[in-house]
N, C-alpha and C. Protein backbone atom coordinates (compact mmCIF):
# COMPACT_ATOMS: atom_id res chain seq x y z
N MET A 1 0.84 -1.18 0.00
CA MET A 1 0.00 0.00 0.00
C MET A 1 0.89 1.24 0.00
N SER A 2 0.58 2.18 -0.88
CA SER A 2 1.37 3.39 -0.95
C SER A 2 0.66 4.50 -0.16
N PHE A 3 1.43 5.33 0.48
CA PHE A 3 0.87 6.44 1.24
C PHE A 3 1.92 7.52 1.34
N ARG A 4 1.45 8.73 1.55
CA ARG A 4 2.36 9.86 1.67
C ARG A 4 2.24 10.46 3.06
N LEU A 5 3.36 10.63 3.70
CA LEU A 5 3.37 11.22 5.04
C LEU A 5 3.65 12.71 4.93
N SER A 6 2.93 13.49 5.73
CA SER A 6 3.20 14.92 5.81
C SER A 6 4.44 15.12 6.69
N GLN A 7 4.98 16.34 6.67
CA GLN A 7 6.12 16.63 7.54
C GLN A 7 5.72 16.49 9.00
N ARG A 8 4.49 16.87 9.33
CA ARG A 8 4.02 16.72 10.71
C ARG A 8 3.96 15.25 11.10
N ASP A 9 3.49 14.39 10.20
CA ASP A 9 3.48 12.95 10.47
C ASP A 9 4.89 12.47 10.81
N LYS A 10 5.85 12.87 10.01
CA LYS A 10 7.23 12.45 10.22
C LYS A 10 7.78 12.98 11.54
N ASP A 11 7.43 14.22 11.85
CA ASP A 11 7.91 14.83 13.11
C ASP A 11 7.32 14.09 14.32
N ILE A 12 6.05 13.71 14.23
CA ILE A 12 5.40 12.99 15.33
C ILE A 12 6.06 11.63 15.53
N ILE A 13 6.29 10.90 14.46
CA ILE A 13 6.93 9.59 14.56
C ILE A 13 8.32 9.72 15.14
N GLU A 14 9.08 10.71 14.69
CA GLU A 14 10.43 10.94 15.21
C GLU A 14 10.39 11.27 16.70
N PHE A 15 9.40 12.08 17.09
CA PHE A 15 9.28 12.47 18.49
C PHE A 15 8.96 11.27 19.37
N ILE A 16 8.08 10.40 18.91
CA ILE A 16 7.73 9.19 19.67
C ILE A 16 8.94 8.27 19.76
N ASN A 17 9.68 8.15 18.68
CA ASN A 17 10.89 7.32 18.71
C ASN A 17 11.91 7.88 19.70
N GLN A 18 11.96 9.20 19.79
CA GLN A 18 12.93 9.85 20.69
C GLN A 18 12.56 9.69 22.15
N PHE A 19 11.29 9.88 22.49
CA PHE A 19 10.87 9.88 23.89
C PHE A 19 10.31 8.53 24.35
N ARG A 20 10.13 7.60 23.44
CA ARG A 20 9.77 6.19 23.73
C ARG A 20 8.31 5.98 24.13
N ALA A 21 7.72 6.92 24.84
CA ALA A 21 6.32 6.81 25.26
C ALA A 21 5.76 8.23 25.35
N VAL A 22 4.71 8.49 24.58
CA VAL A 22 4.15 9.84 24.51
C VAL A 22 2.62 9.75 24.58
N ASP A 23 2.02 10.46 25.50
CA ASP A 23 0.57 10.41 25.64
C ASP A 23 -0.12 11.32 24.63
N ARG A 24 -1.38 11.00 24.34
CA ARG A 24 -2.16 11.75 23.34
C ARG A 24 -2.24 13.24 23.64
N ASP A 25 -2.47 13.61 24.89
CA ASP A 25 -2.62 15.03 25.22
C ASP A 25 -1.34 15.82 24.97
N SER A 26 -0.19 15.18 25.23
CA SER A 26 1.09 15.86 24.95
C SER A 26 1.26 16.08 23.46
N LEU A 27 0.91 15.09 22.66
CA LEU A 27 1.00 15.23 21.20
C LEU A 27 0.06 16.34 20.71
N ALA A 28 -1.14 16.38 21.27
CA ALA A 28 -2.10 17.41 20.87
C ALA A 28 -1.56 18.80 21.17
N ASN A 29 -0.91 18.95 22.33
CA ASN A 29 -0.37 20.25 22.72
C ASN A 29 0.86 20.63 21.91
N LEU A 30 1.69 19.65 21.61
CA LEU A 30 2.95 19.95 20.94
C LEU A 30 2.80 20.11 19.42
N PHE A 31 1.84 19.41 18.83
CA PHE A 31 1.75 19.39 17.37
C PHE A 31 0.45 19.93 16.79
N PHE A 32 -0.57 20.12 17.62
CA PHE A 32 -1.88 20.49 17.08
C PHE A 32 -2.51 21.70 17.79
N LYS A 33 -1.79 22.35 18.68
CA LYS A 33 -2.42 23.37 19.52
C LYS A 33 -2.90 24.58 18.72
N GLN A 34 -2.39 24.76 17.51
CA GLN A 34 -2.82 25.91 16.70
C GLN A 34 -4.16 25.66 16.01
N LEU A 35 -4.67 24.43 16.07
CA LEU A 35 -5.93 24.08 15.40
C LEU A 35 -7.13 24.34 16.32
N LYS A 36 -8.30 24.37 15.72
CA LYS A 36 -9.51 24.66 16.48
C LYS A 36 -9.83 23.55 17.48
N SER A 37 -9.64 22.30 17.08
CA SER A 37 -9.91 21.16 17.96
C SER A 37 -8.67 20.27 18.01
N PRO A 38 -7.68 20.66 18.82
CA PRO A 38 -6.40 19.93 18.84
C PRO A 38 -6.55 18.44 19.15
N VAL A 39 -7.39 18.08 20.12
CA VAL A 39 -7.52 16.68 20.51
C VAL A 39 -8.14 15.85 19.39
N ASN A 40 -9.19 16.36 18.78
CA ASN A 40 -9.84 15.63 17.68
C ASN A 40 -8.89 15.45 16.50
N ALA A 41 -8.16 16.52 16.17
CA ALA A 41 -7.20 16.44 15.06
C ALA A 41 -6.10 15.43 15.38
N CYS A 42 -5.63 15.47 16.62
CA CYS A 42 -4.58 14.53 17.04
C CYS A 42 -5.08 13.10 16.97
N ASN A 43 -6.28 12.85 17.49
CA ASN A 43 -6.84 11.49 17.44
C ASN A 43 -6.90 10.96 16.02
N SER A 44 -7.35 11.79 15.09
CA SER A 44 -7.48 11.38 13.69
C SER A 44 -6.13 10.98 13.10
N VAL A 45 -5.11 11.81 13.35
CA VAL A 45 -3.77 11.53 12.81
C VAL A 45 -3.18 10.28 13.45
N MET A 46 -3.32 10.14 14.77
CA MET A 46 -2.70 9.02 15.46
C MET A 46 -3.34 7.69 15.09
N VAL A 47 -4.64 7.67 14.90
CA VAL A 47 -5.32 6.45 14.44
C VAL A 47 -4.80 6.06 13.06
N ARG A 48 -4.63 7.05 12.19
CA ARG A 48 -4.12 6.77 10.84
C ARG A 48 -2.71 6.20 10.89
N LEU A 49 -1.83 6.83 11.68
CA LEU A 49 -0.45 6.34 11.77
C LEU A 49 -0.38 4.95 12.39
N TYR A 50 -1.26 4.70 13.36
CA TYR A 50 -1.31 3.37 13.99
C TYR A 50 -1.76 2.32 12.98
N ARG A 51 -2.79 2.62 12.21
CA ARG A 51 -3.30 1.66 11.22
C ARG A 51 -2.31 1.41 10.10
N LEU A 52 -1.47 2.40 9.85
CA LEU A 52 -0.41 2.22 8.85
C LEU A 52 0.75 1.39 9.40
N GLY A 53 0.74 1.10 10.69
CA GLY A 53 1.81 0.32 11.29
C GLY A 53 3.07 1.10 11.56
N LEU A 54 2.95 2.43 11.66
CA LEU A 54 4.12 3.28 11.85
C LEU A 54 4.39 3.61 13.31
N ILE A 55 3.42 3.37 14.17
CA ILE A 55 3.57 3.54 15.61
C ILE A 55 2.81 2.43 16.32
N GLU A 56 3.12 2.25 17.59
CA GLU A 56 2.35 1.32 18.43
C GLU A 56 1.59 2.15 19.45
N ARG A 57 0.71 1.51 20.18
CA ARG A 57 -0.03 2.24 21.21
C ARG A 57 -0.40 1.28 22.33
N THR A 58 -0.65 1.85 23.49
CA THR A 58 -1.18 1.08 24.60
C THR A 58 -2.35 1.85 25.20
N GLN A 59 -3.45 1.15 25.42
CA GLN A 59 -4.62 1.77 26.01
C GLN A 59 -4.76 1.38 27.48
N GLN A 60 -3.62 0.97 28.06
CA GLN A 60 -3.57 0.71 29.49
C GLN A 60 -3.65 2.02 30.27
N TYR A 61 -3.41 3.12 29.57
CA TYR A 61 -3.42 4.45 30.19
C TYR A 61 -4.48 5.30 29.52
N SER A 62 -4.94 6.29 30.22
CA SER A 62 -5.90 7.23 29.66
C SER A 62 -5.38 8.66 29.90
N PRO A 63 -5.16 9.44 28.84
CA PRO A 63 -5.38 9.10 27.43
C PRO A 63 -4.36 8.08 26.90
N THR A 64 -4.61 7.62 25.69
CA THR A 64 -3.76 6.61 25.05
C THR A 64 -2.31 7.07 25.01
N VAL A 65 -1.40 6.10 25.21
CA VAL A 65 0.04 6.36 25.11
C VAL A 65 0.56 5.68 23.85
N TYR A 66 1.35 6.41 23.08
CA TYR A 66 1.90 5.89 21.83
C TYR A 66 3.37 5.55 22.00
N LEU A 67 3.78 4.46 21.33
CA LEU A 67 5.13 3.91 21.47
C LEU A 67 5.75 3.73 20.09
N PRO A 68 7.08 3.62 20.01
CA PRO A 68 7.72 3.29 18.73
C PRO A 68 7.27 1.93 18.25
N VAL A 69 7.28 1.73 16.95
CA VAL A 69 6.80 0.48 16.38
C VAL A 69 7.68 -0.70 16.81
N ASP A 70 8.94 -0.43 17.12
CA ASP A 70 9.85 -1.49 17.55
C ASP A 70 10.13 -1.41 19.06
N ALA A 71 9.16 -0.87 19.81
CA ALA A 71 9.34 -0.71 21.26
C ALA A 71 9.65 -2.04 21.92
N LYS A 72 10.64 -2.01 22.81
CA LYS A 72 11.04 -3.23 23.51
C LYS A 72 10.47 -3.29 24.92
N ILE A 73 9.52 -2.41 25.21
CA ILE A 73 8.89 -2.42 26.53
C ILE A 73 7.45 -2.94 26.39
N LYS A 74 7.02 -3.68 27.38
CA LYS A 74 5.66 -4.20 27.36
C LYS A 74 4.66 -3.06 27.51
N LYS A 75 3.47 -3.28 26.97
CA LYS A 75 2.48 -2.21 26.94
C LYS A 75 1.90 -1.89 28.32
N ASN A 76 2.18 -2.75 29.29
CA ASN A 76 1.74 -2.47 30.67
C ASN A 76 2.92 -2.26 31.60
N SER A 77 4.09 -2.00 31.02
CA SER A 77 5.32 -1.87 31.81
C SER A 77 5.34 -0.56 32.60
N GLN A 78 5.91 -0.62 33.83
CA GLN A 78 6.12 0.58 34.62
C GLN A 78 7.14 1.51 33.96
N LYS A 79 7.91 0.97 33.04
CA LYS A 79 8.89 1.79 32.31
C LYS A 79 8.20 2.91 31.53
N ILE A 80 6.96 2.68 31.14
CA ILE A 80 6.22 3.71 30.42
C ILE A 80 6.07 4.96 31.29
N LEU A 81 5.77 4.77 32.57
CA LEU A 81 5.65 5.91 33.48
C LEU A 81 6.98 6.66 33.60
N HIS A 82 8.07 5.93 33.54
CA HIS A 82 9.39 6.54 33.57
C HIS A 82 9.58 7.46 32.37
N PHE A 83 9.24 6.97 31.18
CA PHE A 83 9.40 7.80 29.98
C PHE A 83 8.44 8.97 29.98
N LEU A 84 7.25 8.78 30.52
CA LEU A 84 6.30 9.89 30.60
C LEU A 84 6.80 10.98 31.55
N SER A 85 7.51 10.59 32.60
CA SER A 85 8.07 11.58 33.52
C SER A 85 9.18 12.38 32.84
N ILE A 86 9.95 11.74 31.97
CA ILE A 86 10.97 12.46 31.20
C ILE A 86 10.29 13.44 30.26
N LEU A 87 9.23 12.98 29.60
CA LEU A 87 8.48 13.85 28.71
C LEU A 87 7.92 15.06 29.46
N ASP A 88 7.44 14.84 30.68
CA ASP A 88 6.88 15.94 31.45
C ASP A 88 7.93 17.00 31.74
N VAL A 89 9.14 16.59 32.07
CA VAL A 89 10.23 17.54 32.31
C VAL A 89 10.52 18.33 31.03
N TYR A 90 10.55 17.64 29.90
CA TYR A 90 10.78 18.31 28.62
C TYR A 90 9.69 19.34 28.34
N LYS A 91 8.42 18.97 28.59
CA LYS A 91 7.31 19.90 28.34
C LYS A 91 7.40 21.12 29.25
N GLN A 92 7.82 20.92 30.49
CA GLN A 92 8.00 22.06 31.39
C GLN A 92 9.05 23.01 30.83
N MET A 93 10.14 22.45 30.33
CA MET A 93 11.18 23.30 29.74
C MET A 93 10.64 24.09 28.55
N CYS A 94 9.82 23.44 27.76
CA CYS A 94 9.29 24.08 26.55
C CYS A 94 8.43 25.30 26.86
N THR A 95 7.88 25.37 28.06
CA THR A 95 7.08 26.55 28.42
C THR A 95 7.97 27.78 28.60
N TYR A 96 9.28 27.57 28.72
CA TYR A 96 10.23 28.68 28.87
C TYR A 96 11.08 28.85 27.62
N SER A 97 11.57 27.73 27.09
CA SER A 97 12.41 27.75 25.90
C SER A 97 12.59 26.31 25.43
N VAL A 98 12.50 26.08 24.13
CA VAL A 98 12.62 24.71 23.62
C VAL A 98 14.07 24.25 23.77
N PRO A 99 14.31 23.16 24.51
CA PRO A 99 15.68 22.66 24.69
C PRO A 99 16.29 22.19 23.37
N LYS A 100 17.60 22.23 23.31
CA LYS A 100 18.32 21.77 22.12
C LYS A 100 19.16 20.53 22.47
N HIS A 101 19.54 19.80 21.44
CA HIS A 101 20.39 18.61 21.59
C HIS A 101 19.81 17.63 22.62
N VAL A 102 18.54 17.38 22.54
CA VAL A 102 17.85 16.53 23.53
C VAL A 102 18.23 15.07 23.32
N ILE A 103 18.67 14.40 24.40
CA ILE A 103 18.99 12.97 24.36
C ILE A 103 18.29 12.30 25.53
N VAL A 104 17.35 11.42 25.23
CA VAL A 104 16.63 10.68 26.26
C VAL A 104 17.45 9.47 26.66
N GLU A 105 17.59 9.26 27.97
CA GLU A 105 18.42 8.18 28.52
C GLU A 105 19.82 8.22 27.90
N ASP A 106 20.46 9.34 28.10
CA ASP A 106 21.82 9.54 27.58
C ASP A 106 22.79 8.55 28.22
N LYS A 107 23.73 8.07 27.42
CA LYS A 107 24.79 7.19 27.91
C LYS A 107 26.12 7.73 27.40
N PRO A 108 26.57 8.84 27.96
CA PRO A 108 27.74 9.53 27.41
C PRO A 108 29.04 8.74 27.52
N THR A 109 29.14 7.81 28.47
CA THR A 109 30.38 7.04 28.58
C THR A 109 30.45 5.94 27.52
N GLY A 110 29.28 5.55 27.00
CA GLY A 110 29.24 4.50 25.99
C GLY A 110 29.50 3.11 26.53
N ARG A 111 29.47 2.97 27.85
CA ARG A 111 29.72 1.65 28.42
C ARG A 111 28.83 1.42 29.64
N LYS A 112 28.58 0.18 29.92
CA LYS A 112 27.72 -0.18 31.04
C LYS A 112 28.43 0.15 32.35
N GLY A 113 27.64 0.65 33.30
CA GLY A 113 28.21 0.98 34.60
C GLY A 113 28.62 2.43 34.72
N GLY A 114 28.50 3.19 33.63
CA GLY A 114 28.82 4.61 33.69
C GLY A 114 27.57 5.41 34.03
N ILE A 115 27.68 6.72 33.92
CA ILE A 115 26.52 7.55 34.20
C ILE A 115 25.46 7.33 33.12
N GLU A 116 24.21 7.35 33.53
CA GLU A 116 23.09 7.17 32.60
C GLU A 116 21.97 8.15 32.97
N PRO A 117 22.18 9.44 32.74
CA PRO A 117 21.13 10.42 33.07
C PRO A 117 19.87 10.15 32.26
N ASP A 118 18.73 10.52 32.84
CA ASP A 118 17.46 10.33 32.15
C ASP A 118 17.35 11.24 30.94
N LEU A 119 17.98 12.39 31.02
CA LEU A 119 17.84 13.36 29.94
C LEU A 119 19.08 14.24 29.88
N PHE A 120 19.53 14.50 28.66
CA PHE A 120 20.53 15.55 28.43
C PHE A 120 19.90 16.58 27.52
N CYS A 121 20.19 17.84 27.77
CA CYS A 121 19.77 18.88 26.84
C CYS A 121 20.55 20.15 27.11
N ILE A 122 20.53 21.03 26.15
CA ILE A 122 21.03 22.38 26.34
C ILE A 122 19.80 23.27 26.48
N PHE A 123 19.65 23.83 27.66
CA PHE A 123 18.45 24.59 28.01
C PHE A 123 18.84 26.02 28.32
N LYS A 124 18.31 26.95 27.54
CA LYS A 124 18.62 28.36 27.71
C LYS A 124 20.13 28.61 27.72
N GLY A 125 20.82 27.91 26.84
CA GLY A 125 22.24 28.16 26.66
C GLY A 125 23.18 27.38 27.55
N SER A 126 22.63 26.59 28.51
CA SER A 126 23.48 25.83 29.42
C SER A 126 23.22 24.33 29.27
N PRO A 127 24.27 23.50 29.32
CA PRO A 127 24.08 22.04 29.22
C PRO A 127 23.72 21.44 30.57
N PHE A 128 22.78 20.51 30.55
CA PHE A 128 22.35 19.85 31.78
C PHE A 128 22.20 18.35 31.56
N TRP A 129 22.60 17.58 32.58
CA TRP A 129 22.19 16.19 32.69
C TRP A 129 21.13 16.15 33.78
N ILE A 130 20.02 15.51 33.49
CA ILE A 130 18.88 15.53 34.40
C ILE A 130 18.57 14.13 34.89
N GLU A 131 18.51 14.00 36.20
CA GLU A 131 18.13 12.74 36.86
C GLU A 131 16.75 12.94 37.48
N ILE A 132 15.80 12.11 37.08
CA ILE A 132 14.44 12.22 37.59
C ILE A 132 14.20 11.11 38.60
N GLN A 133 14.03 11.46 39.86
CA GLN A 133 13.89 10.48 40.92
C GLN A 133 12.41 10.33 41.30
N ARG A 134 11.76 9.34 40.73
CA ARG A 134 10.36 9.09 41.04
C ARG A 134 10.21 8.35 42.37
N ASN A 135 11.25 7.64 42.77
CA ASN A 135 11.25 6.90 44.03
C ASN A 135 12.31 7.48 44.95
N GLN A 136 12.15 7.25 46.23
CA GLN A 136 13.12 7.75 47.19
C GLN A 136 14.23 6.73 47.39
N TYR A 137 15.47 7.21 47.35
CA TYR A 137 16.63 6.34 47.52
C TYR A 137 17.41 6.73 48.77
N SER A 138 18.32 5.89 49.17
CA SER A 138 19.16 6.19 50.32
C SER A 138 20.19 7.26 49.95
N GLU A 139 20.67 7.96 50.98
CA GLU A 139 21.71 8.96 50.75
C GLU A 139 22.95 8.32 50.11
N GLN A 140 23.26 7.10 50.55
CA GLN A 140 24.45 6.42 50.03
C GLN A 140 24.32 6.13 48.53
N LYS A 141 23.12 5.71 48.12
CA LYS A 141 22.91 5.41 46.71
C LYS A 141 22.99 6.67 45.86
N MET A 142 22.44 7.76 46.37
CA MET A 142 22.49 9.00 45.62
C MET A 142 23.92 9.55 45.54
N GLN A 143 24.68 9.42 46.64
CA GLN A 143 26.06 9.88 46.60
C GLN A 143 26.89 9.03 45.64
N ALA A 144 26.57 7.73 45.58
CA ALA A 144 27.27 6.85 44.63
C ALA A 144 27.01 7.28 43.20
N LYS A 145 25.79 7.75 42.94
CA LYS A 145 25.45 8.25 41.61
C LYS A 145 26.28 9.49 41.29
N ILE A 146 26.42 10.38 42.27
CA ILE A 146 27.22 11.59 42.06
C ILE A 146 28.70 11.23 41.86
N THR A 147 29.16 10.22 42.57
CA THR A 147 30.55 9.78 42.42
C THR A 147 30.83 9.33 40.99
N LEU A 148 29.86 8.67 40.36
CA LEU A 148 30.02 8.26 38.96
C LEU A 148 30.19 9.48 38.06
N TYR A 149 29.43 10.54 38.34
CA TYR A 149 29.59 11.76 37.55
C TYR A 149 30.98 12.36 37.76
N GLU A 150 31.47 12.31 38.99
CA GLU A 150 32.82 12.84 39.25
C GLU A 150 33.87 12.02 38.51
N GLU A 151 33.71 10.72 38.49
CA GLU A 151 34.66 9.87 37.76
C GLU A 151 34.68 10.23 36.28
N PHE A 152 33.51 10.50 35.74
CA PHE A 152 33.43 10.90 34.32
C PHE A 152 34.08 12.26 34.12
N PHE A 153 33.89 13.14 35.09
CA PHE A 153 34.51 14.46 35.02
C PHE A 153 36.03 14.35 34.92
N PHE A 154 36.62 13.50 35.74
CA PHE A 154 38.08 13.36 35.76
C PHE A 154 38.61 12.57 34.56
N SER A 155 37.74 11.86 33.86
CA SER A 155 38.19 11.09 32.69
C SER A 155 38.51 11.99 31.49
N ASP A 156 37.96 13.18 31.47
CA ASP A 156 38.12 14.12 30.36
C ASP A 156 37.44 13.66 29.07
N GLU A 157 36.76 12.50 29.10
CA GLU A 157 36.07 12.03 27.90
C GLU A 157 34.95 12.97 27.49
N TRP A 158 34.35 13.64 28.47
CA TRP A 158 33.24 14.54 28.19
C TRP A 158 33.62 15.71 27.29
N LYS A 159 34.90 16.02 27.24
CA LYS A 159 35.34 17.16 26.45
C LYS A 159 35.14 16.96 24.95
N SER A 160 34.99 15.72 24.52
CA SER A 160 34.82 15.44 23.10
C SER A 160 33.40 15.01 22.72
N LEU A 161 32.45 15.19 23.62
CA LEU A 161 31.06 14.86 23.29
C LEU A 161 30.59 15.74 22.14
N GLN A 162 29.73 15.18 21.28
CA GLN A 162 29.41 15.83 20.00
C GLN A 162 28.73 17.19 20.14
N TRP A 163 28.07 17.45 21.27
CA TRP A 163 27.36 18.71 21.44
C TRP A 163 28.26 19.84 21.96
N GLN A 164 29.50 19.51 22.33
CA GLN A 164 30.38 20.54 22.90
C GLN A 164 30.63 21.67 21.89
N PRO A 165 30.66 22.92 22.36
CA PRO A 165 30.87 24.05 21.44
C PRO A 165 32.27 24.00 20.83
N GLU A 166 32.35 24.30 19.56
CA GLU A 166 33.64 24.27 18.87
C GLU A 166 34.45 25.53 19.13
N GLU A 167 33.74 26.63 19.37
CA GLU A 167 34.43 27.92 19.41
C GLU A 167 34.92 28.31 20.80
N ARG A 168 34.60 27.48 21.84
CA ARG A 168 35.10 27.83 23.16
C ARG A 168 35.40 26.56 23.96
N ALA A 169 35.89 26.76 25.18
CA ALA A 169 36.33 25.64 26.01
C ALA A 169 35.16 24.69 26.31
N PRO A 170 35.44 23.38 26.42
CA PRO A 170 34.39 22.41 26.75
C PRO A 170 33.73 22.72 28.10
N ILE A 171 32.46 22.34 28.21
CA ILE A 171 31.68 22.61 29.42
C ILE A 171 31.18 21.28 29.99
N PHE A 172 31.40 21.07 31.28
CA PHE A 172 30.82 19.90 31.93
C PHE A 172 29.42 20.27 32.40
N PRO A 173 28.41 19.53 31.99
CA PRO A 173 27.03 19.90 32.34
C PRO A 173 26.79 19.93 33.84
N SER A 174 25.88 20.78 34.24
CA SER A 174 25.38 20.75 35.61
C SER A 174 24.42 19.57 35.74
N ILE A 175 24.28 19.06 36.95
CA ILE A 175 23.39 17.93 37.22
C ILE A 175 22.14 18.47 37.90
N ILE A 176 20.99 18.24 37.30
CA ILE A 176 19.73 18.60 37.94
C ILE A 176 19.08 17.32 38.47
N LEU A 177 18.84 17.30 39.76
CA LEU A 177 18.08 16.21 40.36
C LEU A 177 16.64 16.69 40.52
N ILE A 178 15.74 16.09 39.76
CA ILE A 178 14.32 16.39 39.90
C ILE A 178 13.77 15.45 40.96
N THR A 179 13.53 15.97 42.14
CA THR A 179 13.16 15.12 43.26
C THR A 179 12.37 15.90 44.30
N PRO A 180 11.33 15.29 44.87
CA PRO A 180 10.60 15.95 45.96
C PRO A 180 11.36 15.87 47.28
N VAL A 181 12.41 15.04 47.30
CA VAL A 181 13.21 14.83 48.51
C VAL A 181 14.58 15.49 48.32
N ARG A 182 15.07 16.18 49.33
CA ARG A 182 16.40 16.78 49.25
C ARG A 182 17.43 15.82 49.84
N TYR A 183 18.45 15.51 49.06
CA TYR A 183 19.49 14.58 49.48
C TYR A 183 20.74 15.35 49.91
N GLU A 184 21.42 14.83 50.90
CA GLU A 184 22.67 15.43 51.37
C GLU A 184 23.82 14.92 50.53
N VAL A 185 23.81 15.29 49.26
CA VAL A 185 24.88 14.88 48.35
C VAL A 185 25.74 16.10 48.03
N THR A 186 27.02 15.87 47.87
CA THR A 186 27.95 16.98 47.65
C THR A 186 28.98 16.60 46.60
N SER A 187 29.58 17.62 46.02
CA SER A 187 30.69 17.43 45.10
C SER A 187 31.51 18.72 45.06
N ASP A 188 32.81 18.57 45.07
CA ASP A 188 33.70 19.72 44.95
C ASP A 188 34.03 20.03 43.50
N HIS A 189 33.50 19.21 42.58
CA HIS A 189 33.95 19.31 41.18
C HIS A 189 32.81 19.56 40.19
N ILE A 190 31.61 19.13 40.51
CA ILE A 190 30.49 19.32 39.59
C ILE A 190 29.35 20.03 40.31
N ARG A 191 28.52 20.71 39.56
CA ARG A 191 27.42 21.48 40.15
C ARG A 191 26.17 20.63 40.19
N ILE A 192 25.54 20.57 41.35
CA ILE A 192 24.33 19.78 41.56
C ILE A 192 23.20 20.72 41.98
N ILE A 193 22.10 20.64 41.28
CA ILE A 193 20.92 21.44 41.59
C ILE A 193 19.77 20.49 41.90
N GLN A 194 19.17 20.65 43.07
CA GLN A 194 18.03 19.81 43.45
C GLN A 194 16.76 20.65 43.48
N VAL A 195 15.80 20.25 42.66
CA VAL A 195 14.51 20.95 42.61
C VAL A 195 13.41 19.91 42.41
N ALA A 196 12.19 20.30 42.75
CA ALA A 196 11.06 19.39 42.57
C ALA A 196 10.55 19.40 41.13
N SER A 197 10.86 20.47 40.40
CA SER A 197 10.38 20.60 39.03
C SER A 197 11.18 21.66 38.30
N ILE A 198 11.04 21.69 36.99
CA ILE A 198 11.66 22.75 36.20
C ILE A 198 11.05 24.10 36.56
N HIS A 199 9.78 24.11 36.87
CA HIS A 199 9.14 25.36 37.27
C HIS A 199 9.82 25.95 38.52
N GLU A 200 10.15 25.08 39.48
CA GLU A 200 10.86 25.56 40.67
C GLU A 200 12.24 26.10 40.29
N LEU A 201 12.91 25.40 39.40
CA LEU A 201 14.22 25.86 38.94
C LEU A 201 14.13 27.26 38.36
N MET A 202 13.14 27.49 37.51
CA MET A 202 13.02 28.79 36.86
C MET A 202 12.60 29.88 37.83
N GLU A 203 11.81 29.53 38.83
CA GLU A 203 11.45 30.51 39.85
C GLU A 203 12.68 30.98 40.61
N LYS A 204 13.61 30.06 40.86
CA LYS A 204 14.85 30.42 41.56
C LYS A 204 15.71 31.34 40.69
N TYR A 205 15.74 31.08 39.39
CA TYR A 205 16.49 31.95 38.49
C TYR A 205 15.86 33.33 38.44
N LYS A 206 14.54 33.36 38.41
CA LYS A 206 13.85 34.65 38.40
C LYS A 206 14.16 35.45 39.66
N SER A 207 14.20 34.76 40.80
CA SER A 207 14.52 35.42 42.06
C SER A 207 15.93 36.00 42.02
N ALA A 208 16.86 35.22 41.44
CA ALA A 208 18.24 35.70 41.33
C ALA A 208 18.30 36.93 40.44
N GLY A 209 17.55 36.90 39.33
CA GLY A 209 17.52 38.04 38.42
C GLY A 209 16.91 39.27 39.08
N LYS A 210 15.88 39.07 39.88
CA LYS A 210 15.23 40.19 40.56
C LYS A 210 16.16 40.85 41.57
N GLN A 211 16.93 40.03 42.29
CA GLN A 211 17.87 40.58 43.26
C GLN A 211 18.88 41.48 42.58
N GLN A 212 19.30 41.06 41.38
CA GLN A 212 20.27 41.88 40.65
C GLN A 212 19.64 43.18 40.18
N ARG A 213 18.39 43.12 39.74
CA ARG A 213 17.70 44.33 39.28
C ARG A 213 17.43 45.29 40.44
N ASP A 214 17.37 44.74 41.65
CA ASP A 214 17.08 45.58 42.82
C ASP A 214 18.32 46.25 43.39
N GLY A 215 19.44 46.13 42.68
CA GLY A 215 20.59 46.91 43.11
C GLY A 215 21.87 46.15 43.35
N LYS A 216 21.84 44.82 43.20
CA LYS A 216 23.07 44.06 43.38
C LYS A 216 23.90 44.16 42.11
N PRO A 217 25.18 43.77 42.15
CA PRO A 217 26.05 43.88 40.97
C PRO A 217 25.41 43.25 39.74
N LYS A 218 25.54 43.90 38.58
CA LYS A 218 24.87 43.45 37.36
C LYS A 218 25.71 42.42 36.63
N THR A 219 25.42 41.19 36.90
CA THR A 219 26.00 40.08 36.15
C THR A 219 24.84 39.28 35.59
N SER A 220 25.12 38.24 34.81
CA SER A 220 24.05 37.42 34.27
C SER A 220 23.28 36.74 35.40
N ALA A 221 21.96 36.67 35.26
CA ALA A 221 21.15 36.00 36.28
C ALA A 221 21.60 34.57 36.43
N SER A 222 21.82 34.16 37.68
CA SER A 222 22.32 32.80 37.89
C SER A 222 21.81 32.25 39.21
N PHE A 223 21.87 30.92 39.29
CA PHE A 223 21.52 30.23 40.52
C PHE A 223 22.51 29.10 40.71
N GLY A 224 23.15 29.07 41.85
CA GLY A 224 24.15 28.04 42.09
C GLY A 224 25.31 28.13 41.13
N GLY A 225 25.55 29.32 40.56
CA GLY A 225 26.68 29.51 39.67
C GLY A 225 26.38 29.24 38.21
N ILE A 226 25.19 28.70 37.90
CA ILE A 226 24.85 28.46 36.50
C ILE A 226 24.23 29.71 35.92
N LYS A 227 24.74 30.17 34.83
CA LYS A 227 24.18 31.33 34.16
C LYS A 227 23.12 30.88 33.17
N ILE A 228 22.04 31.62 33.13
CA ILE A 228 20.93 31.24 32.26
C ILE A 228 20.30 32.48 31.68
N ASN A 229 19.88 32.40 30.45
CA ASN A 229 19.25 33.53 29.77
C ASN A 229 17.76 33.48 30.04
N LEU A 230 17.24 34.45 30.76
CA LEU A 230 15.84 34.44 31.15
C LEU A 230 14.93 35.07 30.11
N THR A 231 15.46 35.60 29.04
CA THR A 231 14.63 36.23 28.01
C THR A 231 14.14 35.22 27.01
């Protein structure tokens, strides 16, 4: 059977392949919000792509969640909730600025046992590795995770990652822990930011910017030493 895909069809399929699990409402907001009836338009397109065999879906969730056609996760797997939490962080970022160089479940060391952040992206000009903690872990386990990041820092392998800027010195990303629990983790070498959400992160940056506007020295708005463009 021959069929022609629109650019939007291709973008949707690519997005699902990238994020592994994407709910209908997120697709409606990201790809159809300019239309009069985003949900209805989204439903029509997604049913067509599903019938063409270009995407998979699971109706274990409401609204429907769409998966890559070669998804290796079961349709009732808890892993789906993990990918949806990554998507939620991405959507929060998009309300401020669309992130660049997005990598879901990044594996920058290229080997098992290294750091495996849930998300890498360049957000408002700064690189971040993001760890999303849906469950509570022990302080020891979280510190062990930070130790892995420090080991990678000292390896210097990060300096040649493909997203590094060519025109200036390499940058080691800051680590954002998205967690409702604050952990007593520390590092003398890498920057760790603990927030419950991206919205909380941005509120802290706004507060830093306001303090500067109220008479403190005029430098770029920052929080914890990370500079970020708030415009």
